[in-house]
Amino acid sequence: MMEFSRALDLLAANPDMGTPFNHDRSGTIYRRHRHKSHVIYYRKRRSDIFVLRVLHVKMHPDRHL
């Protein structure tokens, strides 16, 4: 769990580190970052990030975001 917390801290400090992701259903562009067997989906904000979902790599984002 500590490693996951560090990954979130790293993303918050470097929000462009994640890859842009276009959500097909809504057309919204989020960012994503893979951490081990999970993918963190988030949006950049002015001073931090907003984590939308954390999905296992086997879960399809169009169904679960």
PDB file of N, CA and C in Angstrom:
ATOM      1  N   MET A   1       0.821  -1.194   0.000  1.00  0.00           N
ATOM      2  CA  MET A   1       0.000   0.000   0.000  1.00  0.00           C
ATOM      3  C   MET A   1       0.866   1.260   0.000  1.00  0.00           C
ATOM      4  N   MET A   2       1.995   1.190   0.656  1.00  0.00           N
ATOM      5  CA  MET A   2       2.882   2.340   0.718  1.00  0.00           C
ATOM      6  C   MET A   2       3.391   2.717  -0.676  1.00  0.00           C
ATOM      7  N   GLU A   3       3.686   1.704  -1.507  1.00  0.00           N
ATOM      8  CA  GLU A   3       4.148   1.977  -2.864  1.00  0.00           C
ATOM      9  C   GLU A   3       3.073   2.684  -3.671  1.00  0.00           C
ATOM     10  N   PHE A   4       1.819   2.295  -3.476  1.00  0.00           N
ATOM     11  CA  PHE A   4       0.725   2.934  -4.190  1.00  0.00           C
ATOM     12  C   PHE A   4       0.590   4.389  -3.772  1.00  0.00           C
ATOM     13  N   SER A   5       0.721   4.653  -2.499  1.00  0.00           N
ATOM     14  CA  SER A   5       0.671   6.016  -1.988  1.00  0.00           C
ATOM     15  C   SER A   5       1.797   6.864  -2.584  1.00  0.00           C
ATOM     16  N   ARG A   6       2.949   6.277  -2.708  1.00  0.00           N
ATOM     17  CA  ARG A   6       4.083   6.987  -3.325  1.00  0.00           C
ATOM     18  C   ARG A   6       3.823   7.273  -4.800  1.00  0.00           C
ATOM     19  N   ALA A   7       3.189   6.325  -5.490  1.00  0.00           N
ATOM     20  CA  ALA A   7       2.848   6.537  -6.895  1.00  0.00           C
ATOM     21  C   ALA A   7       1.884   7.713  -7.040  1.00  0.00           C
ATOM     22  N   LEU A   8       0.908   7.809  -6.140  1.00  0.00           N
ATOM     23  CA  LEU A   8      -0.029   8.938  -6.179  1.00  0.00           C
ATOM     24  C   LEU A   8       0.677  10.260  -5.881  1.00  0.00           C
ATOM     25  N   ASP A   9       1.586  10.251  -4.926  1.00  0.00           N
ATOM     26  CA  ASP A   9       2.357  11.464  -4.616  1.00  0.00           C
ATOM     27  C   ASP A   9       3.195  11.889  -5.816  1.00  0.00           C
ATOM     28  N   LEU A  10       3.787  10.921  -6.482  1.00  0.00           N
ATOM     29  CA  LEU A  10       4.599  11.204  -7.662  1.00  0.00           C
ATOM     30  C   LEU A  10       3.743  11.800  -8.779  1.00  0.00           C
ATOM     31  N   LEU A  11       2.554  11.247  -8.989  1.00  0.00           N
ATOM     32  CA  LEU A  11       1.645  11.789 -10.001  1.00  0.00           C
ATOM     33  C   LEU A  11       1.190  13.199  -9.654  1.00  0.00           C
ATOM     34  N   ALA A  12       0.901  13.431  -8.389  1.00  0.00           N
ATOM     35  CA  ALA A  12       0.466  14.765  -7.964  1.00  0.00           C
ATOM     36  C   ALA A  12       1.567  15.794  -8.208  1.00  0.00           C
ATOM     37  N   ALA A  13       2.806  15.397  -8.001  1.00  0.00           N
ATOM     38  CA  ALA A  13       3.935  16.316  -8.217  1.00  0.00           C
ATOM     39  C   ALA A  13       4.288  16.450  -9.691  1.00  0.00           C
ATOM     40  N   ASN A  14       3.958  15.433 -10.490  1.00  0.00           N
ATOM     41  CA  ASN A  14       4.293  15.412 -11.924  1.00  0.00           C
ATOM     42  C   ASN A  14       3.094  14.927 -12.728  1.00  0.00           C
ATOM     43  N   PRO A  15       2.028  15.714 -12.791  1.00  0.00           N
ATOM     44  CA  PRO A  15       0.785  15.231 -13.398  1.00  0.00           C
ATOM     45  C   PRO A  15       0.884  14.897 -14.889  1.00  0.00           C
ATOM     46  N   ASP A  16       1.851  15.467 -15.584  1.00  0.00           N
ATOM     47  CA  ASP A  16       2.004  15.157 -17.005  1.00  0.00           C
ATOM     48  C   ASP A  16       2.687  13.820 -17.242  1.00  0.00           C
ATOM     49  N   MET A  17       3.075  13.170 -16.182  1.00  0.00           N
ATOM     50  CA  MET A  17       3.725  11.871 -16.269  1.00  0.00           C
ATOM     51  C   MET A  17       2.786  10.811 -16.862  1.00  0.00           C
ATOM     52  N   GLY A  18       1.511  10.944 -16.601  1.00  0.00           N
ATOM     53  CA  GLY A  18       0.534   9.993 -17.119  1.00  0.00           C
ATOM     54  C   GLY A  18       0.281  10.199 -18.605  1.00  0.00           C
ATOM     55  N   THR A  19      -0.238   9.184 -19.227  1.00  0.00           N
ATOM     56  CA  THR A  19      -0.550   9.206 -20.653  1.00  0.00           C
ATOM     57  C   THR A  19      -1.969   9.722 -20.863  1.00  0.00           C
ATOM     58  N   PRO A  20      -2.186  10.619 -21.841  1.00  0.00           N
ATOM     59  CA  PRO A  20      -3.556  11.051 -22.127  1.00  0.00           C
ATOM     60  C   PRO A  20      -4.418   9.866 -22.552  1.00  0.00           C
ATOM     61  N   PHE A  21      -5.673   9.888 -22.122  1.00  0.00           N
ATOM     62  CA  PHE A  21      -6.623   8.815 -22.422  1.00  0.00           C
ATOM     63  C   PHE A  21      -7.961   9.442 -22.768  1.00  0.00           C
ATOM     64  N   ASN A  22      -8.464   9.156 -23.963  1.00  0.00           N
ATOM     65  CA  ASN A  22      -9.756   9.679 -24.400  1.00  0.00           C
ATOM     66  C   ASN A  22     -10.838   8.660 -24.064  1.00  0.00           C
ATOM     67  N   HIS A  23     -11.731   9.044 -23.177  1.00  0.00           N
ATOM     68  CA  HIS A  23     -12.837   8.165 -22.783  1.00  0.00           C
ATOM     69  C   HIS A  23     -13.857   8.166 -23.924  1.00  0.00           C
ATOM     70  N   ASP A  24     -14.053   7.023 -24.547  1.00  0.00           N
ATOM     71  CA  ASP A  24     -14.900   6.925 -25.742  1.00  0.00           C
ATOM     72  C   ASP A  24     -16.333   7.377 -25.519  1.00  0.00           C
ATOM     73  N   ARG A  25     -16.941   6.963 -24.419  1.00  0.00           N
ATOM     74  CA  ARG A  25     -18.363   7.278 -24.205  1.00  0.00           C
ATOM     75  C   ARG A  25     -18.609   8.753 -23.931  1.00  0.00           C
ATOM     76  N   SER A  26     -17.765   9.371 -23.119  1.00  0.00           N
ATOM     77  CA  SER A  26     -18.007  10.769 -22.755  1.00  0.00           C
ATOM     78  C   SER A  26     -17.206  11.756 -23.600  1.00  0.00           C
ATOM     79  N   GLY A  27     -16.152  11.268 -24.242  1.00  0.00           N
ATOM     80  CA  GLY A  27     -15.291  12.162 -25.012  1.00  0.00           C
ATOM     81  C   GLY A  27     -14.345  12.964 -24.137  1.00  0.00           C
ATOM     82  N   THR A  28     -14.361  12.709 -22.852  1.00  0.00           N
ATOM     83  CA  THR A  28     -13.506  13.420 -21.905  1.00  0.00           C
ATOM     84  C   THR A  28     -12.084  12.867 -21.980  1.00  0.00           C
ATOM     85  N   ILE A  29     -11.123  13.756 -21.889  1.00  0.00           N
ATOM     86  CA  ILE A  29      -9.729  13.315 -21.879  1.00  0.00           C
ATOM     87  C   ILE A  29      -9.227  13.306 -20.446  1.00  0.00           C
ATOM     88  N   TYR A  30      -8.839  12.139 -20.011  1.00  0.00           N
ATOM     89  CA  TYR A  30      -8.248  11.944 -18.697  1.00  0.00           C
ATOM     90  C   TYR A  30      -6.772  11.623 -18.897  1.00  0.00           C
ATOM     91  N   ARG A  31      -6.107  11.339 -17.829  1.00  0.00           N
ATOM     92  CA  ARG A  31      -4.744  10.828 -17.905  1.00  0.00           C
ATOM     93  C   ARG A  31      -4.731   9.499 -17.174  1.00  0.00           C
ATOM     94  N   ARG A  32      -3.790   8.643 -17.548  1.00  0.00           N
ATOM     95  CA  ARG A  32      -3.692   7.345 -16.883  1.00  0.00           C
ATOM     96  C   ARG A  32      -2.234   7.017 -16.631  1.00  0.00           C
ATOM     97  N   HIS A  33      -2.047   6.262 -15.582  1.00  0.00           N
ATOM     98  CA  HIS A  33      -0.698   5.839 -15.197  1.00  0.00           C
ATOM     99  C   HIS A  33      -0.792   4.430 -14.646  1.00  0.00           C
ATOM    100  N   ARG A  34       0.017   3.545 -15.199  1.00  0.00           N
ATOM    101  CA  ARG A  34       0.002   2.162 -14.725  1.00  0.00           C
ATOM    102  C   ARG A  34       0.929   2.023 -13.530  1.00  0.00           C
ATOM    103  N   HIS A  35       0.416   1.359 -12.514  1.00  0.00           N
ATOM    104  CA  HIS A  35       1.210   1.040 -11.331  1.00  0.00           C
ATOM    105  C   HIS A  35       1.003  -0.438 -11.033  1.00  0.00           C
ATOM    106  N   LYS A  36       2.021  -1.210 -11.334  1.00  0.00           N
ATOM    107  CA  LYS A  36       1.956  -2.667 -11.170  1.00  0.00           C
ATOM    108  C   LYS A  36       0.778  -3.228 -11.952  1.00  0.00           C
ATOM    109  N   SER A  37      -0.172  -3.864 -11.296  1.00  0.00           N
ATOM    110  CA  SER A  37      -1.284  -4.486 -12.010  1.00  0.00           C
ATOM    111  C   SER A  37      -2.536  -3.607 -12.035  1.00  0.00           C
ATOM    112  N   HIS A  38      -2.367  -2.320 -11.748  1.00  0.00           N
ATOM    113  CA  HIS A  38      -3.496  -1.400 -11.750  1.00  0.00           C
ATOM    114  C   HIS A  38      -3.191  -0.175 -12.612  1.00  0.00           C
ATOM    115  N   VAL A  39      -4.255   0.486 -13.026  1.00  0.00           N
ATOM    116  CA  VAL A  39      -4.125   1.722 -13.798  1.00  0.00           C
ATOM    117  C   VAL A  39      -4.877   2.809 -13.044  1.00  0.00           C
ATOM    118  N   ILE A  40      -4.207   3.921 -12.832  1.00  0.00           N
ATOM    119  CA  ILE A  40      -4.791   5.070 -12.130  1.00  0.00           C
ATOM    120  C   ILE A  40      -5.301   6.039 -13.196  1.00  0.00           C
ATOM    121  N   TYR A  41      -6.587   6.345 -13.162  1.00  0.00           N
ATOM    122  CA  TYR A  41      -7.181   7.314 -14.084  1.00  0.00           C
ATOM    123  C   TYR A  41      -7.422   8.596 -13.295  1.00  0.00           C
ATOM    124  N   TYR A  42      -6.959   9.707 -13.838  1.00  0.00           N
ATOM    125  CA  TYR A  42      -7.049  10.957 -13.084  1.00  0.00           C
ATOM    126  C   TYR A  42      -7.162  12.153 -14.012  1.00  0.00           C
ATOM    127  N   ARG A  43      -7.491  13.292 -13.413  1.00  0.00           N
ATOM    128  CA  ARG A  43      -7.513  14.574 -14.114  1.00  0.00           C
ATOM    129  C   ARG A  43      -6.560  15.523 -13.408  1.00  0.00           C
ATOM    130  N   LYS A  44      -5.892  16.331 -14.197  1.00  0.00           N
ATOM    131  CA  LYS A  44      -5.034  17.372 -13.621  1.00  0.00           C
ATOM    132  C   LYS A  44      -5.924  18.523 -13.160  1.00  0.00           C
ATOM    133  N   ARG A  45      -5.557  19.102 -12.021  1.00  0.00           N
ATOM    134  CA  ARG A  45      -6.209  20.317 -11.553  1.00  0.00           C
ATOM    135  C   ARG A  45      -5.111  21.355 -11.343  1.00  0.00           C
ATOM    136  N   ARG A  46      -5.481  22.525 -10.900  1.00  0.00           N
ATOM    137  CA  ARG A  46      -4.485  23.600 -10.757  1.00  0.00           C
ATOM    138  C   ARG A  46      -3.333  23.235  -9.832  1.00  0.00           C
ATOM    139  N   SER A  47      -3.655  22.706  -8.677  1.00  0.00           N
ATOM    140  CA  SER A  47      -2.596  22.454  -7.700  1.00  0.00           C
ATOM    141  C   SER A  47      -2.475  20.987  -7.283  1.00  0.00           C
ATOM    142  N   ASP A  48      -3.268  20.106  -7.912  1.00  0.00           N
ATOM    143  CA  ASP A  48      -3.202  18.690  -7.552  1.00  0.00           C
ATOM    144  C   ASP A  48      -3.820  17.856  -8.673  1.00  0.00           C
ATOM    145  N   ILE A  49      -4.127  16.620  -8.373  1.00  0.00           N
ATOM    146  CA  ILE A  49      -4.830  15.760  -9.317  1.00  0.00           C
ATOM    147  C   ILE A  49      -6.096  15.240  -8.653  1.00  0.00           C
ATOM    148  N   PHE A  50      -7.053  14.858  -9.480  1.00  0.00           N
ATOM    149  CA  PHE A  50      -8.284  14.241  -8.992  1.00  0.00           C
ATOM    150  C   PHE A  50      -8.321  12.828  -9.543  1.00  0.00           C
ATOM    151  N   VAL A  51      -8.252  11.838  -8.674  1.00  0.00           N
ATOM    152  CA  VAL A  51      -8.254  10.445  -9.096  1.00  0.00           C
ATOM    153  C   VAL A  51      -9.697  10.002  -9.301  1.00  0.00           C
ATOM    154  N   LEU A  52      -9.993   9.599 -10.538  1.00  0.00           N
ATOM    155  CA  LEU A  52     -11.346   9.149 -10.879  1.00  0.00           C
ATOM    156  C   LEU A  52     -11.566   7.704 -10.474  1.00  0.00           C
ATOM    157  N   ARG A  53     -10.624   6.860 -10.839  1.00  0.00           N
ATOM    158  CA  ARG A  53     -10.754   5.441 -10.585  1.00  0.00           C
ATOM    159  C   ARG A  53      -9.386   4.792 -10.620  1.00  0.00           C
ATOM    160  N   VAL A  54      -9.296   3.697  -9.935  1.00  0.00           N
ATOM    161  CA  VAL A  54      -8.134   2.820 -10.011  1.00  0.00           C
ATOM    162  C   VAL A  54      -8.687   1.466 -10.434  1.00  0.00           C
ATOM    163  N   LEU A  55      -8.267   1.011 -11.597  1.00  0.00           N
ATOM    164  CA  LEU A  55      -8.790  -0.239 -12.146  1.00  0.00           C
ATOM    165  C   LEU A  55      -7.682  -1.261 -12.313  1.00  0.00           C
ATOM    166  N   HIS A  56      -8.038  -2.510 -12.146  1.00  0.00           N
ATOM    167  CA  HIS A  56      -7.107  -3.589 -12.468  1.00  0.00           C
ATOM    168  C   HIS A  56      -6.905  -3.564 -13.976  1.00  0.00           C
ATOM    169  N   VAL A  57      -5.717  -3.943 -14.435  1.00  0.00           N
ATOM    170  CA  VAL A  57      -5.412  -3.869 -15.865  1.00  0.00           C
ATOM    171  C   VAL A  57      -6.378  -4.699 -16.724  1.00  0.00           C
ATOM    172  N   LYS A  58      -7.020  -5.695 -16.149  1.00  0.00           N
ATOM    173  CA  LYS A  58      -7.960  -6.524 -16.906  1.00  0.00           C
ATOM    174  C   LYS A  58      -9.346  -5.892 -17.045  1.00  0.00           C
ATOM    175  N   MET A  59      -9.604  -4.807 -16.311  1.00  0.00           N
ATOM    176  CA  MET A  59     -10.907  -4.146 -16.375  1.00  0.00           C
ATOM    177  C   MET A  59     -10.907  -3.127 -17.503  1.00  0.00           C
ATOM    178  N   HIS A  60     -11.978  -3.106 -18.282  1.00  0.00           N
ATOM    179  CA  HIS A  60     -12.078  -2.201 -19.423  1.00  0.00           C
ATOM    180  C   HIS A  60     -12.538  -0.822 -18.954  1.00  0.00           C
ATOM    181  N   PRO A  61     -11.765   0.233 -19.245  1.00  0.00           N
ATOM    182  CA  PRO A  61     -12.116   1.565 -18.728  1.00  0.00           C
ATOM    183  C   PRO A  61     -13.440   2.111 -19.248  1.00  0.00           C
ATOM    184  N   ASP A  62     -13.836   1.758 -20.482  1.00  0.00           N
ATOM    185  CA  ASP A  62     -15.116   2.281 -20.975  1.00  0.00           C
ATOM    186  C   ASP A  62     -16.301   1.737 -20.194  1.00  0.00           C
ATOM    187  N   ARG A  63     -16.144   0.616 -19.562  1.00  0.00           N
ATOM    188  CA  ARG A  63     -17.219   0.069 -18.729  1.00  0.00           C
ATOM    189  C   ARG A  63     -17.201   0.602 -17.309  1.00  0.00           C
ATOM    190  N   HIS A  64     -16.021   0.964 -16.828  1.00  0.00           N
ATOM    191  CA  HIS A  64     -15.880   1.254 -15.401  1.00  0.00           C
ATOM    192  C   HIS A  64     -15.534   2.699 -15.052  1.00  0.00           C
ATOM    193  N   LEU A  65     -15.392   3.554 -16.041  1.00  0.00           N
ATOM    194  CA  LEU A  65     -15.153   4.983 -15.743  1.00  0.00           C
ATOM    195  C   LEU A  65     -16.440   5.748 -15.865  1.00  0.00           C
TER     196      LEU A  65
END
